[in-house]
C-alpha cells in the first residue's frame, strides 16, 4: 500500500505537468512509496494525454469530464487514492528531493500539527511569500477591496499587505525552523488521511478560500498548521488562476467575492459577515467614480456586483457543488 498519495488537479497544464510528475515520482525512497492521482478538469490542451502517456504505473489519470473546480477535483482524487498520508500538489509546483519525506516526518514527530507545508520559492529562486494570516472585516477592508489596497499602499506603506503575507517571518530570509502560520498556499501540503476524511475540501469553495476554510477548521479543532523548511519546492504560484483571470477577469472577481461571502458566513462573527456586503458596495461606489476618471478597471467593479448577486454584474465562474468537509 502506498505510504503517500500525491493529489494533483490540472486544467490546461500540459506545459508544466511533466516536471511536476517528475518531482513527485522522485520522492520514492527506501521507506517511502508514492502513488500519484491526477484529476484533470477537462483540459483543453494535451494535459490529459501527457498524463495518460506516462509509463510509470504509480501515476493514474482521473478524468473529471467537466471543470467542477479545484475543491471537487481534490476530493475526487482523494476518494481514488489509498495512502495513509495525502499530499496536495499544484501542477505548477516541483518538489525537491526528499520533500515528501520531510513533510511526513514532521507530521510523525509533531502530532499536534495536522497540516505540514513545504517552503516554496519562485522559479528564479526568490523565497516565496506563500502564507497568509486570517482576515476578518478589518483585514477585508485593506486586502479585499481596491479602495483599501490603494489607501494601504499610498498612505500606510503597505502595512496591511505585509502583515497578511507574513513578511515579518521572511524579513531575514526564508525561515530556517518550522513556523506556525494560519494558511499556507495549498501548493504542496501534507496531512494524514484520517485528518482529512471524509474529504479534504469543502466544495462550497470551488476555487477560492477552500484552503483557508480547511486551515480554519483545523485550527478550530485545536490542530496546528506549520511550514517545514526541510521540505522545499519550486512554485509558479497560481498559473491556472492567472490564465483564467486574463480570460475573464469580471467573472473571476465575481467568483472570488462569492467565495469570500461564503467564507465569512462560515468563520466570521454575525456582525462582521452582516457588514461585509456594505463594505463591498462602498468599494463599488468608489470604484465607479474612479472608472469615470479612468483610474479603475470597470471589470473589477462589475465582478464585485456579480459576486454580490446584484444587477450589472456577471455570474461567478463556477457553481458550488455539494457540501463536503470534516
Foldseek 3Di string as FASTA:
>chain_A
DFAEEEEEEDAQCLVQQVQQVVLVCLQDDPPGGYAYEYEYAPHPDCNQVVQVPDPDPSYYYHYPPHRQFDQVSQQVSLVVDDHQKYKYAYSQKHWDHNQVVLQVVVCVVCVLAFKEFEFEAAPVGHGDLFAFADDFLVLCQLPVFPVNVVCCVPPVVVPSVCRGSVVVCCVVHHDPAKDFGQFGHSNTMMGGSVLWPPGNFWLQLRYPCRRNVSSVVSVVVSGTYIYGHVIYMYGNPPPVLVVVCVVQVLQQLLSVLLNVLVVCVVDPDPVRSVCVVVSLVVSLVVQVVVVVVVNHDVSNSQSSCQNVVHPSHDHHPHHGDHTDGD
